[in-house]
Amino acid sequence: MNKLIIGNKNYSSWSLRAWLLVKQFQIPFEEIRIPLFTEEFKQKIKEYSPTGFVPTLCVDDQSIWDSLAICEYIADAYPELHCWPGDLKTRAVARSVSNEMHSGFFQIRNLLPMNCRTKTVISDISPELQAELNRICEIWRTCRTRCAGEGDFLFGDFSIADAMYAPVVLRFKSYGIEVGEIEATYMETMLSLKSLQEWLAGAMEEQEIIAHYEDNA
């Protein structure tokens, strides 16, 4: 059986992306959770990941690391699941916004770390952070408008793009980020997923506290 190595569910946004994809598409896997920034993590992670980071997907004797690489592997290994949109141009847009998420938005990453247990409102938003928040909202509006009537996710059906933006949905919820009607409806769609609810339930049960992720709480 596939093994998916993840970090803390409360904090590990990259782990969530890979986990949500395989869970949402009901791909059997063994979950191996290793708490971040612990001696246990240092000792165990190298058994699975050559980089020492999570997530890592282990398929037989093959390790696949990096969340987007794992998602692409799943798309290749299970083409019948249609992890990307079927239309070529729409698929190109889905890949573009997914890679934009993967490689950017450093203000959001640094100032609004994922912390599923926190509930606070950020009032002091810098122009740089606001620009990234605006860009996220623009992406969600544009994708939902492009695929209106085809389903409730970014490109109609659930796809890798939704998995990539799931941690942002949780960040917006945790920090009380104001969004427009289209974006709010999309967030409700994501938050209603049983798979995401399962992740959140796991996050609430965790006992570990990582100070770095609690700075804004």
C-alpha atoms as a PDB file:
ATOM      1  CA  MET A   1       0.000   0.000   0.000  1.00  0.00           C
ATOM      2  CA  ASN A   2       1.107   3.574  -0.659  1.00  0.00           C
ATOM      3  CA  LYS A   3       2.540   5.392   2.349  1.00  0.00           C
ATOM      4  CA  LEU A   4       2.053   9.138   2.746  1.00  0.00           C
ATOM      5  CA  ILE A   5       4.366  10.789   5.243  1.00  0.00           C
ATOM      6  CA  ILE A   6       3.005  14.044   6.642  1.00  0.00           C
ATOM      7  CA  GLY A   7       3.727  16.523   9.425  1.00  0.00           C
ATOM      8  CA  ASN A   8       1.360  18.038  11.969  1.00  0.00           C
ATOM      9  CA  LYS A   9      -2.153  18.417  10.609  1.00  0.00           C
ATOM     10  CA  ASN A  10      -2.579  21.667  12.481  1.00  0.00           C
ATOM     11  CA  TYR A  11       0.408  23.333  10.850  1.00  0.00           C
ATOM     12  CA  SER A  12       1.670  21.491   7.769  1.00  0.00           C
ATOM     13  CA  SER A  13       0.095  23.160   4.743  1.00  0.00           C
ATOM     14  CA  TRP A  14       2.232  21.231   2.263  1.00  0.00           C
ATOM     15  CA  SER A  15       1.216  17.930   3.840  1.00  0.00           C
ATOM     16  CA  LEU A  16      -2.441  18.884   3.530  1.00  0.00           C
ATOM     17  CA  ARG A  17      -2.185  19.386  -0.214  1.00  0.00           C
ATOM     18  CA  ALA A  18      -1.005  15.857  -0.979  1.00  0.00           C
ATOM     19  CA  TRP A  19      -3.169  14.267   1.730  1.00  0.00           C
ATOM     20  CA  LEU A  20      -6.349  15.975   0.535  1.00  0.00           C
ATOM     21  CA  LEU A  21      -5.843  14.846  -3.050  1.00  0.00           C
ATOM     22  CA  VAL A  22      -5.414  11.151  -2.246  1.00  0.00           C
ATOM     23  CA  LYS A  23      -8.171  11.237   0.371  1.00  0.00           C
ATOM     24  CA  GLN A  24     -10.647  13.060  -1.869  1.00  0.00           C
ATOM     25  CA  PHE A  25     -10.051  10.604  -4.716  1.00  0.00           C
ATOM     26  CA  GLN A  26     -10.275   7.659  -2.294  1.00  0.00           C
ATOM     27  CA  ILE A  27      -6.833   6.293  -3.118  1.00  0.00           C
ATOM     28  CA  PRO A  28      -5.845   3.778  -0.405  1.00  0.00           C
ATOM     29  CA  PHE A  29      -2.805   4.832   1.598  1.00  0.00           C
ATOM     30  CA  GLU A  30      -1.159   4.412   4.968  1.00  0.00           C
ATOM     31  CA  GLU A  31      -0.782   7.704   6.791  1.00  0.00           C
ATOM     32  CA  ILE A  32       2.469   8.203   8.687  1.00  0.00           C
ATOM     33  CA  ARG A  33       2.407  11.400  10.738  1.00  0.00           C
ATOM     34  CA  ILE A  34       5.700  12.646  12.171  1.00  0.00           C
ATOM     35  CA  PRO A  35       5.498  15.756  14.402  1.00  0.00           C
ATOM     36  CA  LEU A  36       7.568  18.618  12.992  1.00  0.00           C
ATOM     37  CA  PHE A  37      10.616  20.107  14.746  1.00  0.00           C
ATOM     38  CA  THR A  38      11.071  17.130  17.073  1.00  0.00           C
ATOM     39  CA  GLU A  39      13.809  14.581  17.619  1.00  0.00           C
ATOM     40  CA  GLU A  40      11.389  11.973  16.323  1.00  0.00           C
ATOM     41  CA  PHE A  41      11.105  13.910  13.059  1.00  0.00           C
ATOM     42  CA  LYS A  42      14.878  14.174  12.681  1.00  0.00           C
ATOM     43  CA  GLN A  43      15.292  10.446  13.287  1.00  0.00           C
ATOM     44  CA  LYS A  44      12.469   9.165  11.107  1.00  0.00           C
ATOM     45  CA  ILE A  45      12.065  11.475   8.116  1.00  0.00           C
ATOM     46  CA  LYS A  46      15.228  10.340   6.333  1.00  0.00           C
ATOM     47  CA  GLU A  47      13.784   6.825   6.184  1.00  0.00           C
ATOM     48  CA  TYR A  48      11.261   8.159   3.690  1.00  0.00           C
ATOM     49  CA  SER A  49      12.409  11.486   2.240  1.00  0.00           C
ATOM     50  CA  PRO A  50      15.826  12.249   0.722  1.00  0.00           C
ATOM     51  CA  THR A  51      15.217  15.963   1.329  1.00  0.00           C
ATOM     52  CA  GLY A  52      14.168  15.612   4.954  1.00  0.00           C
ATOM     53  CA  PHE A  53      10.857  17.338   4.299  1.00  0.00           C
ATOM     54  CA  VAL A  54       7.191  16.364   4.201  1.00  0.00           C
ATOM     55  CA  PRO A  55       5.095  15.371   2.429  1.00  0.00           C
ATOM     56  CA  THR A  56       6.612  12.299   0.830  1.00  0.00           C
ATOM     57  CA  LEU A  57       4.700   9.546  -0.946  1.00  0.00           C
ATOM     58  CA  CYS A  58       6.287   6.099  -0.858  1.00  0.00           C
ATOM     59  CA  VAL A  59       5.141   3.699  -3.565  1.00  0.00           C
ATOM     60  CA  ASP A  60       6.839   0.333  -3.132  1.00  0.00           C
ATOM     61  CA  ASP A  61      10.551   1.269  -3.019  1.00  0.00           C
ATOM     62  CA  GLN A  62      10.062   4.628  -4.768  1.00  0.00           C
ATOM     63  CA  SER A  63       9.889   7.928  -2.869  1.00  0.00           C
ATOM     64  CA  ILE A  64       8.106  10.912  -4.422  1.00  0.00           C
ATOM     65  CA  TRP A  65       8.673  14.171  -2.563  1.00  0.00           C
ATOM     66  CA  ASP A  66       7.282  17.704  -2.878  1.00  0.00           C
ATOM     67  CA  SER A  67       3.514  18.214  -2.740  1.00  0.00           C
ATOM     68  CA  LEU A  68       3.058  19.239  -6.370  1.00  0.00           C
ATOM     69  CA  ALA A  69       5.250  16.378  -7.613  1.00  0.00           C
ATOM     70  CA  ILE A  70       3.122  13.974  -5.580  1.00  0.00           C
ATOM     71  CA  CYS A  71      -0.037  15.442  -7.106  1.00  0.00           C
ATOM     72  CA  GLU A  72       1.392  15.091 -10.603  1.00  0.00           C
ATOM     73  CA  TYR A  73       2.353  11.481  -9.878  1.00  0.00           C
ATOM     74  CA  ILE A  74      -1.209  10.732  -8.747  1.00  0.00           C
ATOM     75  CA  ALA A  75      -2.542  12.342 -11.928  1.00  0.00           C
ATOM     76  CA  ASP A  76      -0.248  10.140 -14.036  1.00  0.00           C
ATOM     77  CA  ALA A  77      -0.846   6.953 -12.054  1.00  0.00           C
ATOM     78  CA  TYR A  78      -4.633   7.330 -11.978  1.00  0.00           C
ATOM     79  CA  PRO A  79      -5.639   9.037 -15.248  1.00  0.00           C
ATOM     80  CA  GLU A  80      -9.211   7.817 -14.847  1.00  0.00           C
ATOM     81  CA  LEU A  81      -9.617  10.122 -11.834  1.00  0.00           C
ATOM     82  CA  HIS A  82      -9.134  13.270 -13.952  1.00  0.00           C
ATOM     83  CA  CYS A  83      -7.035  15.098 -11.380  1.00  0.00           C
ATOM     84  CA  TRP A  84      -6.624  17.936 -13.876  1.00  0.00           C
ATOM     85  CA  PRO A  85      -9.424  19.414 -16.045  1.00  0.00           C
ATOM     86  CA  GLY A  86     -10.001  17.566 -19.313  1.00  0.00           C
ATOM     87  CA  ASP A  87      -9.993  20.601 -21.607  1.00  0.00           C
ATOM     88  CA  LEU A  88      -6.443  21.476 -22.711  1.00  0.00           C
ATOM     89  CA  LYS A  89      -6.696  25.245 -22.220  1.00  0.00           C
ATOM     90  CA  THR A  90      -8.524  24.926 -18.921  1.00  0.00           C
ATOM     91  CA  ARG A  91      -5.919  22.409 -17.769  1.00  0.00           C
ATOM     92  CA  ALA A  92      -3.189  24.906 -18.647  1.00  0.00           C
ATOM     93  CA  VAL A  93      -4.859  27.537 -16.474  1.00  0.00           C
ATOM     94  CA  ALA A  94      -5.263  25.027 -13.633  1.00  0.00           C
ATOM     95  CA  ARG A  95      -1.572  24.169 -13.822  1.00  0.00           C
ATOM     96  CA  SER A  96      -0.643  27.856 -13.971  1.00  0.00           C
ATOM     97  CA  VAL A  97      -2.539  28.825 -10.833  1.00  0.00           C
ATOM     98  CA  SER A  98      -1.304  25.697  -9.033  1.00  0.00           C
ATOM     99  CA  ASN A  99       2.319  26.499  -9.837  1.00  0.00           C
ATOM    100  CA  GLU A 100       1.735  30.144  -8.887  1.00  0.00           C
ATOM    101  CA  MET A 101       0.572  28.924  -5.478  1.00  0.00           C
ATOM    102  CA  HIS A 102       3.483  26.518  -5.212  1.00  0.00           C
ATOM    103  CA  SER A 103       6.162  29.116  -5.902  1.00  0.00           C
ATOM    104  CA  GLY A 104       4.756  32.379  -4.550  1.00  0.00           C
ATOM    105  CA  PHE A 105       2.670  34.180  -1.931  1.00  0.00           C
ATOM    106  CA  PHE A 106       5.498  34.540   0.578  1.00  0.00           C
ATOM    107  CA  GLN A 107       3.711  37.276   2.543  1.00  0.00           C
ATOM    108  CA  ILE A 108       0.802  34.940   3.190  1.00  0.00           C
ATOM    109  CA  ARG A 109       3.107  32.042   4.057  1.00  0.00           C
ATOM    110  CA  ASN A 110       5.199  34.079   6.506  1.00  0.00           C
ATOM    111  CA  LEU A 111       2.582  36.347   8.077  1.00  0.00           C
ATOM    112  CA  LEU A 112      -0.417  34.002   8.062  1.00  0.00           C
ATOM    113  CA  PRO A 113       1.031  30.565   8.859  1.00  0.00           C
ATOM    114  CA  MET A 114      -1.457  27.714   8.724  1.00  0.00           C
ATOM    115  CA  ASN A 115      -2.851  27.090  12.184  1.00  0.00           C
ATOM    116  CA  CYS A 116      -6.183  25.282  12.070  1.00  0.00           C
ATOM    117  CA  ARG A 117      -6.823  25.794  15.775  1.00  0.00           C
ATOM    118  CA  THR A 118      -6.491  29.568  15.809  1.00  0.00           C
ATOM    119  CA  LYS A 119      -9.365  32.005  15.377  1.00  0.00           C
ATOM    120  CA  THR A 120      -8.233  35.614  15.207  1.00  0.00           C
ATOM    121  CA  VAL A 121      -8.770  38.652  13.019  1.00  0.00           C
ATOM    122  CA  ILE A 122      -5.745  40.290  11.419  1.00  0.00           C
ATOM    123  CA  SER A 123      -6.303  44.056  11.415  1.00  0.00           C
ATOM    124  CA  ASP A 124      -2.818  45.304  10.530  1.00  0.00           C
ATOM    125  CA  ILE A 125      -2.432  44.222   6.912  1.00  0.00           C
ATOM    126  CA  SER A 126       0.529  45.641   5.003  1.00  0.00           C
ATOM    127  CA  PRO A 127       0.177  46.709   1.358  1.00  0.00           C
ATOM    128  CA  GLU A 128       2.364  43.761   0.331  1.00  0.00           C
ATOM    129  CA  LEU A 129       0.188  41.248   2.176  1.00  0.00           C
ATOM    130  CA  GLN A 130      -2.984  42.867   0.867  1.00  0.00           C
ATOM    131  CA  ALA A 131      -1.695  42.566  -2.697  1.00  0.00           C
ATOM    132  CA  GLU A 132      -1.274  38.813  -2.254  1.00  0.00           C
ATOM    133  CA  LEU A 133      -4.702  38.457  -0.640  1.00  0.00           C
ATOM    134  CA  ASN A 134      -6.187  40.348  -3.570  1.00  0.00           C
ATOM    135  CA  ARG A 135      -4.419  38.078  -6.029  1.00  0.00           C
ATOM    136  CA  ILE A 136      -5.795  34.965  -4.341  1.00  0.00           C
ATOM    137  CA  CYS A 137      -9.304  36.387  -4.539  1.00  0.00           C
ATOM    138  CA  GLU A 138      -8.750  37.290  -8.192  1.00  0.00           C
ATOM    139  CA  ILE A 139      -7.681  33.715  -8.973  1.00  0.00           C
ATOM    140  CA  TRP A 140     -10.703  32.224  -7.231  1.00  0.00           C
ATOM    141  CA  ARG A 141     -13.122  34.634  -8.936  1.00  0.00           C
ATOM    142  CA  THR A 142     -11.588  34.133 -12.359  1.00  0.00           C
ATOM    143  CA  CYS A 143     -11.557  30.344 -12.157  1.00  0.00           C
ATOM    144  CA  ARG A 144     -15.061  30.089 -10.733  1.00  0.00           C
ATOM    145  CA  THR A 145     -16.402  32.482 -13.382  1.00  0.00           C
ATOM    146  CA  ARG A 146     -14.640  30.579 -16.164  1.00  0.00           C
ATOM    147  CA  CYS A 147     -16.198  27.285 -15.046  1.00  0.00           C
ATOM    148  CA  ALA A 148     -19.542  28.547 -13.755  1.00  0.00           C
ATOM    149  CA  GLY A 149     -22.206  25.880 -14.117  1.00  0.00           C
ATOM    150  CA  GLU A 150     -19.693  23.025 -14.373  1.00  0.00           C
ATOM    151  CA  GLY A 151     -19.393  22.362 -10.642  1.00  0.00           C
ATOM    152  CA  ASP A 152     -18.582  24.130  -7.396  1.00  0.00           C
ATOM    153  CA  PHE A 153     -14.794  23.897  -7.376  1.00  0.00           C
ATOM    154  CA  LEU A 154     -12.227  26.114  -9.090  1.00  0.00           C
ATOM    155  CA  PHE A 155     -12.540  24.265 -12.395  1.00  0.00           C
ATOM    156  CA  GLY A 156     -15.900  22.606 -11.898  1.00  0.00           C
ATOM    157  CA  ASP A 157     -14.931  19.230 -10.466  1.00  0.00           C
ATOM    158  CA  PHE A 158     -12.420  18.873  -7.639  1.00  0.00           C
ATOM    159  CA  SER A 159      -8.877  18.959  -9.003  1.00  0.00           C
ATOM    160  CA  ILE A 160      -5.252  19.385  -7.994  1.00  0.00           C
ATOM    161  CA  ALA A 161      -5.812  23.142  -8.083  1.00  0.00           C
ATOM    162  CA  ASP A 162      -8.286  22.859  -5.202  1.00  0.00           C
ATOM    163  CA  ALA A 163      -5.829  20.754  -3.210  1.00  0.00           C
ATOM    164  CA  MET A 164      -3.163  23.403  -3.756  1.00  0.00           C
ATOM    165  CA  TYR A 165      -5.419  26.197  -2.478  1.00  0.00           C
ATOM    166  CA  ALA A 166      -6.971  24.279   0.437  1.00  0.00           C
ATOM    167  CA  PRO A 167      -4.442  25.622   2.995  1.00  0.00           C
ATOM    168  CA  VAL A 168      -5.240  29.168   1.866  1.00  0.00           C
ATOM    169  CA  VAL A 169      -8.927  28.536   2.496  1.00  0.00           C
ATOM    170  CA  LEU A 170      -8.027  27.469   6.032  1.00  0.00           C
ATOM    171  CA  ARG A 171      -5.759  30.488   6.510  1.00  0.00           C
ATOM    172  CA  PHE A 172      -8.483  32.880   5.375  1.00  0.00           C
ATOM    173  CA  LYS A 173     -10.888  31.218   7.816  1.00  0.00           C
ATOM    174  CA  SER A 174      -8.423  31.251  10.720  1.00  0.00           C
ATOM    175  CA  TYR A 175      -7.439  34.905  10.314  1.00  0.00           C
ATOM    176  CA  GLY A 176     -10.837  36.365   9.384  1.00  0.00           C
ATOM    177  CA  ILE A 177      -9.805  37.543   5.910  1.00  0.00           C
ATOM    178  CA  GLU A 178     -12.642  39.355   4.176  1.00  0.00           C
ATOM    179  CA  VAL A 179     -13.509  38.090   0.685  1.00  0.00           C
ATOM    180  CA  GLY A 180     -16.174  38.687  -1.943  1.00  0.00           C
ATOM    181  CA  GLU A 181     -19.298  36.632  -2.510  1.00  0.00           C
ATOM    182  CA  ILE A 182     -17.814  34.312  -5.142  1.00  0.00           C
ATOM    183  CA  GLU A 183     -14.746  33.631  -3.022  1.00  0.00           C
ATOM    184  CA  ALA A 184     -16.852  33.058   0.113  1.00  0.00           C
ATOM    185  CA  THR A 185     -19.011  30.525  -1.719  1.00  0.00           C
ATOM    186  CA  TYR A 186     -15.905  28.699  -2.888  1.00  0.00           C
ATOM    187  CA  MET A 187     -14.544  28.626   0.646  1.00  0.00           C
ATOM    188  CA  GLU A 188     -17.825  27.138   1.880  1.00  0.00           C
ATOM    189  CA  THR A 189     -17.579  24.441  -0.798  1.00  0.00           C
ATOM    190  CA  MET A 190     -14.082  23.505   0.315  1.00  0.00           C
ATOM    191  CA  LEU A 191     -14.850  23.622   4.026  1.00  0.00           C
ATOM    192  CA  SER A 192     -17.831  21.328   3.539  1.00  0.00           C
ATOM    193  CA  LEU A 193     -15.660  18.531   2.114  1.00  0.00           C
ATOM    194  CA  LYS A 194     -15.736  15.475   4.359  1.00  0.00           C
ATOM    195  CA  SER A 195     -12.065  14.912   3.614  1.00  0.00           C
ATOM    196  CA  LEU A 196     -11.110  18.410   4.744  1.00  0.00           C
ATOM    197  CA  GLN A 197     -13.330  18.069   7.809  1.00  0.00           C
ATOM    198  CA  GLU A 198     -11.471  14.858   8.653  1.00  0.00           C
ATOM    199  CA  TRP A 199      -8.144  16.699   8.407  1.00  0.00           C
ATOM    200  CA  LEU A 200      -9.436  19.470  10.677  1.00  0.00           C
ATOM    201  CA  ALA A 201     -10.689  16.956  13.224  1.00  0.00           C
ATOM    202  CA  GLY A 202      -7.214  15.423  13.314  1.00  0.00           C
ATOM    203  CA  ALA A 203      -5.661  18.876  13.739  1.00  0.00           C
ATOM    204  CA  MET A 204      -7.886  19.604  16.736  1.00  0.00           C
ATOM    205  CA  GLU A 205      -6.799  16.377  18.425  1.00  0.00           C
ATOM    206  CA  GLU A 206      -3.080  17.127  18.181  1.00  0.00           C
ATOM    207  CA  GLN A 207      -1.276  18.229  21.327  1.00  0.00           C
ATOM    208  CA  GLU A 208       1.934  19.656  19.840  1.00  0.00           C
ATOM    209  CA  ILE A 209       2.518  23.410  20.005  1.00  0.00           C
ATOM    210  CA  ILE A 210       4.971  24.988  17.560  1.00  0.00           C
ATOM    211  CA  ALA A 211       5.706  28.571  18.655  1.00  0.00           C
ATOM    212  CA  HIS A 212       6.592  29.806  15.161  1.00  0.00           C
ATOM    213  CA  TYR A 213       3.084  29.059  13.934  1.00  0.00           C
ATOM    214  CA  GLU A 214       1.455  30.608  16.990  1.00  0.00           C
ATOM    215  CA  ASP A 215       2.918  34.098  16.582  1.00  0.00           C
ATOM    216  CA  ASN A 216      -0.252  35.526  15.036  1.00  0.00           C
ATOM    217  CA  ALA A 217      -2.674  33.568  17.198  1.00  0.00           C
END
